[in-house]
Amino acid sequence: MAAQWNYLMDMDGVLVHEDHPIPGASEFVAELTANDIPFMVLTNNSIYTQRDLRARLSRTGLEVPEAAIWTSALATAKFLDSQRPGGSAYVIGEAGLTTALHEIGYVLTDRDPDYVVLGETRTYSFTAITKAIRLVEEGARFIATNPDATGPSREGSLPATGSIAALIERATGRAPYYVGKPNPLMMRSALRALGAHSESTLMIGDRMDTDVRSGLEAGLRTILVLTGISTESTADLYPYRPTRVAKSIADLVGNSANPFPDEVADQG
């Protein structure tokens, strides 16, 4: 058993529901902080910067430092920096994505870019999508921050990155490379940012198809909480299982040093 666990945690559905904290979330984050247990909060949403998300979480009573927040935008920037340092991109997205690309020295342009990078935005423009299609047709490599087809809003579902990516793919015949969950690349980049090893790290998520799958494929132990998308019955439909199922993050309060007590009992 690991001497100390490192934690990767999804944000929406695990710590918060939109702008409301999930009971037990603030106590659990405070416990990790007090015990110097390394953790990172993950999100496939590329709209916001680390500073934006820290402020959003703080308003709900969750004190998470900027350095402990990892987004699909940051993972995408790290990936592009490793593939083609100092490159150029035509970007459809918000400040979270454009800031991350600026910080790795990328030039944002609509003239002969190395990449078309598609992220989340609440104002998808037909003109921008048309430009992206033409640039991909002309040879730009197609990257998308995450495959989520829809996102939540107070009025109902909104089209998200995956839906717009499908439109561009259908028009061009070129599929994007998705960096965010369930690509285990998202987990590995978060591990590197955390300075942690997969053998001593676990992933807490609310979705079997993204959180648990990407954790599993990155070699992590996984905990599925039932406060978001997946339920016990829908989780049973998948051919893989999380290491543990918990009703909510509140079940882990007081147990952060020993999140898998059944394994200890089995070993004893």
Protein backbone atom coordinates (compact mmCIF):
# COMPACT_ATOMS: atom_id res chain seq x y z
CA MET A 1 0.00 0.00 0.00
CA ALA A 2 1.18 3.52 -0.80
CA ALA A 3 2.61 5.52 2.10
CA GLN A 4 0.57 8.52 0.99
CA TRP A 5 -2.03 8.92 -1.70
CA ASN A 6 -2.10 11.77 -4.19
CA TYR A 7 -5.54 12.85 -5.35
CA LEU A 8 -6.90 13.82 -8.75
CA MET A 9 -10.53 14.95 -8.54
CA ASP A 10 -13.08 15.94 -11.13
CA MET A 11 -14.76 19.24 -10.30
CA ASP A 12 -18.38 19.24 -11.52
CA GLY A 13 -20.37 16.42 -9.97
CA VAL A 14 -17.68 15.67 -7.38
CA LEU A 15 -17.00 18.97 -5.60
CA VAL A 16 -19.69 21.26 -7.00
CA HIS A 17 -23.02 21.25 -8.84
CA GLU A 18 -22.86 24.39 -10.99
CA ASP A 19 -22.35 27.08 -8.31
CA HIS A 20 -23.26 25.01 -5.26
CA PRO A 21 -20.83 22.88 -3.21
CA ILE A 22 -21.57 19.20 -2.75
CA PRO A 23 -21.87 18.41 0.98
CA GLY A 24 -18.53 17.28 2.37
CA ALA A 25 -16.46 18.80 -0.43
CA SER A 26 -15.08 21.76 1.53
CA GLU A 27 -14.27 19.52 4.51
CA PHE A 28 -12.45 17.04 2.28
CA VAL A 29 -10.38 19.71 0.51
CA ALA A 30 -9.54 21.27 3.89
CA GLU A 31 -8.45 17.85 5.17
CA LEU A 32 -6.11 17.32 2.21
CA THR A 33 -4.66 20.80 2.68
CA ALA A 34 -4.19 20.41 6.45
CA ASN A 35 -2.40 17.08 6.01
CA ASP A 36 -0.20 18.28 3.11
CA ILE A 37 -1.69 15.64 0.81
CA PRO A 38 -1.03 16.64 -2.82
CA PHE A 39 -4.15 17.06 -4.95
CA MET A 40 -5.31 18.43 -8.27
CA VAL A 41 -8.82 19.40 -9.34
CA LEU A 42 -9.52 18.49 -12.97
CA THR A 43 -12.07 19.74 -15.47
CA ASN A 44 -12.68 19.10 -19.16
CA ASN A 45 -14.10 22.63 -19.42
CA SER A 46 -11.63 24.85 -21.29
CA ILE A 47 -13.52 28.14 -20.89
CA TYR A 48 -11.93 29.36 -17.67
CA THR A 49 -8.39 30.08 -16.50
CA GLN A 50 -7.00 28.66 -13.27
CA ARG A 51 -7.59 32.06 -11.63
CA ASP A 52 -11.23 32.10 -12.78
CA LEU A 53 -11.85 28.62 -11.42
CA ARG A 54 -10.12 29.34 -8.11
CA ALA A 55 -12.45 32.31 -7.64
CA ARG A 56 -15.49 30.24 -8.64
CA LEU A 57 -14.62 27.51 -6.15
CA SER A 58 -13.85 30.07 -3.44
CA ARG A 59 -17.35 31.53 -3.79
CA THR A 60 -18.74 28.08 -2.93
CA GLY A 61 -16.49 27.79 0.14
CA LEU A 62 -13.84 25.60 -1.49
CA GLU A 63 -10.32 26.98 -1.10
CA VAL A 64 -8.25 25.51 -3.92
CA PRO A 65 -5.02 27.21 -5.03
CA GLU A 66 -4.57 28.03 -8.72
CA ALA A 67 -1.68 25.57 -8.98
CA ALA A 68 -4.01 22.76 -7.91
CA ILE A 69 -6.38 23.24 -10.85
CA TRP A 70 -5.85 21.43 -14.16
CA THR A 71 -8.02 21.99 -17.23
CA SER A 72 -8.27 20.48 -20.69
CA ALA A 73 -6.99 23.83 -21.99
CA LEU A 74 -3.77 23.49 -19.97
CA ALA A 75 -3.39 19.85 -21.03
CA THR A 76 -3.88 20.87 -24.66
CA ALA A 77 -1.25 23.61 -24.37
CA LYS A 78 1.24 21.17 -22.81
CA PHE A 79 0.56 18.68 -25.58
CA LEU A 80 1.06 21.25 -28.35
CA ASP A 81 4.23 22.55 -26.70
CA SER A 82 5.65 19.01 -26.70
CA GLN A 83 4.61 18.36 -30.30
CA ARG A 84 5.45 21.65 -32.01
CA PRO A 85 7.08 24.24 -29.70
CA GLY A 86 6.54 27.86 -30.69
CA GLY A 87 3.85 26.97 -33.21
CA SER A 88 0.71 28.75 -34.33
CA ALA A 89 -2.98 28.04 -33.99
CA TYR A 90 -6.39 29.24 -35.05
CA VAL A 91 -8.44 29.01 -31.87
CA ILE A 92 -12.17 28.75 -31.25
CA GLY A 93 -12.54 29.13 -27.50
CA GLU A 94 -12.43 31.38 -24.47
CA ALA A 95 -9.79 32.90 -22.19
CA GLY A 96 -8.90 29.59 -20.54
CA LEU A 97 -7.65 28.23 -23.86
CA THR A 98 -6.18 31.36 -25.42
CA THR A 99 -4.30 32.22 -22.19
CA ALA A 100 -2.84 28.71 -21.96
CA LEU A 101 -1.62 28.87 -25.56
CA HIS A 102 -0.17 32.36 -25.14
CA GLU A 103 1.74 31.18 -22.08
CA ILE A 104 3.55 28.48 -24.08
CA GLY A 105 4.51 31.05 -26.71
CA TYR A 106 1.99 30.14 -29.38
CA VAL A 107 0.94 32.68 -32.00
CA LEU A 108 -2.82 32.85 -32.54
CA THR A 109 -3.59 33.47 -36.18
CA ASP A 110 -6.07 32.71 -38.96
CA ARG A 111 -3.36 32.62 -41.63
CA ASP A 112 -1.76 29.25 -42.34
CA PRO A 113 -1.76 28.03 -38.72
CA ASP A 114 -0.09 24.78 -37.67
CA TYR A 115 -3.26 23.80 -35.81
CA VAL A 116 -6.95 24.48 -35.57
CA VAL A 117 -7.69 24.21 -31.84
CA LEU A 118 -11.33 23.86 -30.84
CA GLY A 119 -12.42 24.46 -27.26
CA GLU A 120 -15.51 25.34 -25.29
CA THR A 121 -17.37 28.59 -25.77
CA ARG A 122 -20.90 29.82 -25.10
CA THR A 123 -20.90 31.79 -28.36
CA TYR A 124 -19.97 29.42 -31.20
CA SER A 125 -19.82 31.49 -34.37
CA PHE A 126 -20.84 30.11 -37.76
CA THR A 127 -18.20 32.36 -39.31
CA ALA A 128 -15.47 30.99 -37.01
CA ILE A 129 -16.55 27.38 -37.63
CA THR A 130 -16.51 27.97 -41.38
CA LYS A 131 -12.99 29.42 -41.10
CA ALA A 132 -11.88 26.39 -39.09
CA ILE A 133 -13.28 24.03 -41.75
CA ARG A 134 -11.40 25.82 -44.52
CA LEU A 135 -8.13 25.86 -42.55
CA VAL A 136 -8.40 22.12 -41.84
CA GLU A 137 -9.13 21.54 -45.53
CA GLU A 138 -5.96 23.50 -46.32
CA GLY A 139 -3.84 21.26 -44.07
CA ALA A 140 -4.03 22.60 -40.52
CA ARG A 141 -3.93 19.81 -37.92
CA PHE A 142 -7.18 19.47 -35.99
CA ILE A 143 -7.11 19.42 -32.16
CA ALA A 144 -10.03 19.56 -29.74
CA THR A 145 -9.74 20.12 -26.02
CA ASN A 146 -12.36 17.52 -25.04
CA PRO A 147 -15.03 15.27 -26.58
CA ASP A 148 -18.01 16.29 -24.39
CA ALA A 149 -21.00 16.59 -26.73
CA THR A 150 -23.10 18.78 -24.44
CA GLY A 151 -22.70 21.00 -21.42
CA PRO A 152 -25.17 22.01 -18.73
CA SER A 153 -26.97 25.32 -18.31
CA ARG A 154 -29.94 26.51 -16.30
CA GLU A 155 -32.10 26.30 -19.41
CA GLY A 156 -30.92 22.80 -20.38
CA SER A 157 -28.20 21.23 -22.51
CA LEU A 158 -25.86 23.33 -24.64
CA PRO A 159 -23.82 22.08 -27.61
CA ALA A 160 -20.23 21.60 -26.46
CA THR A 161 -16.84 20.92 -28.03
CA GLY A 162 -17.61 17.38 -29.15
CA SER A 163 -20.69 18.44 -31.10
CA ILE A 164 -18.90 21.24 -32.94
CA ALA A 165 -15.92 18.96 -33.58
CA ALA A 166 -18.29 16.44 -35.17
CA LEU A 167 -19.62 19.17 -37.46
CA ILE A 168 -16.09 20.12 -38.57
CA GLU A 169 -15.12 16.45 -38.96
CA ARG A 170 -18.19 15.76 -41.10
CA ALA A 171 -17.42 18.76 -43.32
CA THR A 172 -13.71 18.00 -43.74
CA GLY A 173 -13.39 14.24 -43.32
CA ARG A 174 -10.67 14.93 -40.74
CA ALA A 175 -11.17 13.73 -37.17
CA PRO A 176 -9.71 15.80 -34.33
CA TYR A 177 -7.28 14.57 -31.71
CA TYR A 178 -9.02 15.00 -28.35
CA VAL A 179 -6.68 15.84 -25.46
CA GLY A 180 -9.11 15.91 -22.50
CA LYS A 181 -10.77 13.03 -20.69
CA PRO A 182 -11.15 10.16 -21.44
CA ASN A 183 -7.75 10.47 -23.12
CA PRO A 184 -5.31 9.27 -20.40
CA LEU A 185 -2.99 12.01 -21.66
CA MET A 186 -5.05 14.42 -19.53
CA MET A 187 -4.28 12.33 -16.43
CA ARG A 188 -0.61 11.96 -17.24
CA SER A 189 -0.16 15.69 -17.78
CA ALA A 190 -1.91 16.32 -14.44
CA LEU A 191 0.38 13.77 -12.76
CA ARG A 192 3.43 15.58 -14.14
CA ALA A 193 2.07 18.94 -12.96
CA LEU A 194 1.50 17.38 -9.53
CA GLY A 195 4.90 15.65 -9.51
CA ALA A 196 3.16 12.39 -8.64
CA HIS A 197 3.38 8.75 -9.76
CA SER A 198 0.41 6.74 -10.99
CA GLU A 199 0.96 3.94 -8.44
CA SER A 200 0.33 6.30 -5.53
CA THR A 201 -2.43 8.40 -7.12
CA LEU A 202 -6.17 7.93 -7.35
CA MET A 203 -8.87 9.58 -9.42
CA ILE A 204 -12.26 10.60 -8.00
CA GLY A 205 -14.96 11.18 -10.59
CA ASP A 206 -18.68 11.04 -11.24
CA ARG A 207 -18.58 9.62 -14.77
CA MET A 208 -17.65 6.10 -15.79
CA ASP A 209 -17.06 7.02 -19.43
CA THR A 210 -14.56 9.82 -18.78
CA ASP A 211 -13.25 9.95 -15.20
CA VAL A 212 -13.05 6.24 -14.37
CA ARG A 213 -11.98 5.22 -17.85
CA SER A 214 -9.16 7.77 -18.13
CA GLY A 215 -7.99 7.01 -14.59
CA LEU A 216 -7.95 3.29 -15.33
CA GLU A 217 -6.05 3.75 -18.60
CA ALA A 218 -3.48 5.98 -16.88
CA GLY A 219 -2.82 3.28 -14.27
CA LEU A 220 -4.61 4.97 -11.35
CA ARG A 221 -6.93 3.60 -8.70
CA THR A 222 -10.40 5.12 -9.15
CA ILE A 223 -13.33 6.12 -6.95
CA LEU A 224 -16.75 6.71 -8.49
CA VAL A 225 -19.00 9.06 -6.51
CA LEU A 226 -22.75 8.97 -7.12
CA THR A 227 -23.37 12.73 -6.93
CA GLY A 228 -23.08 13.40 -10.65
CA ILE A 229 -23.74 11.59 -13.91
CA SER A 230 -23.23 7.88 -13.25
CA THR A 231 -25.39 5.79 -10.93
CA GLU A 232 -24.77 2.34 -9.50
CA SER A 233 -27.04 0.79 -12.12
CA THR A 234 -25.52 2.63 -15.10
CA ALA A 235 -22.00 1.93 -13.79
CA ASP A 236 -22.77 -1.80 -13.92
CA LEU A 237 -23.28 -1.57 -17.67
CA TYR A 238 -19.61 -0.82 -18.33
CA PRO A 239 -17.04 -3.58 -18.93
CA TYR A 240 -14.68 -2.00 -16.38
CA ARG A 241 -15.16 -1.12 -12.74
CA PRO A 242 -13.91 1.61 -10.40
CA THR A 243 -11.74 0.49 -7.49
CA ARG A 244 -14.41 1.82 -5.13
CA VAL A 245 -17.92 3.27 -5.34
CA ALA A 246 -18.84 5.94 -2.75
CA LYS A 247 -22.12 7.77 -2.29
CA SER A 248 -20.31 11.12 -2.23
CA ILE A 249 -17.06 12.89 -1.44
CA ALA A 250 -18.36 13.15 2.14
CA ASP A 251 -17.66 9.40 2.55
CA LEU A 252 -13.94 10.14 2.22
CA VAL A 253 -13.78 12.81 4.93
CA GLY A 254 -11.58 11.45 7.71
CA ASN A 255 -10.29 8.69 5.41
CA SER A 256 -8.01 10.57 3.03
CA ALA A 257 -4.95 8.64 4.24
CA ASN A 258 -6.76 5.32 3.78
CA PRO A 259 -9.32 5.63 0.97
CA PHE A 260 -9.52 1.86 0.34
CA PRO A 261 -10.14 0.36 3.79
CA ASP A 262 -11.55 -2.89 2.36
CA GLU A 263 -8.20 -3.64 0.73
CA VAL A 264 -6.47 -3.31 4.11
CA ALA A 265 -8.97 -5.73 5.62
CA ASP A 266 -8.41 -8.17 2.77
CA GLN A 267 -4.64 -7.97 3.18
CA GLY A 268 -4.92 -8.46 6.95
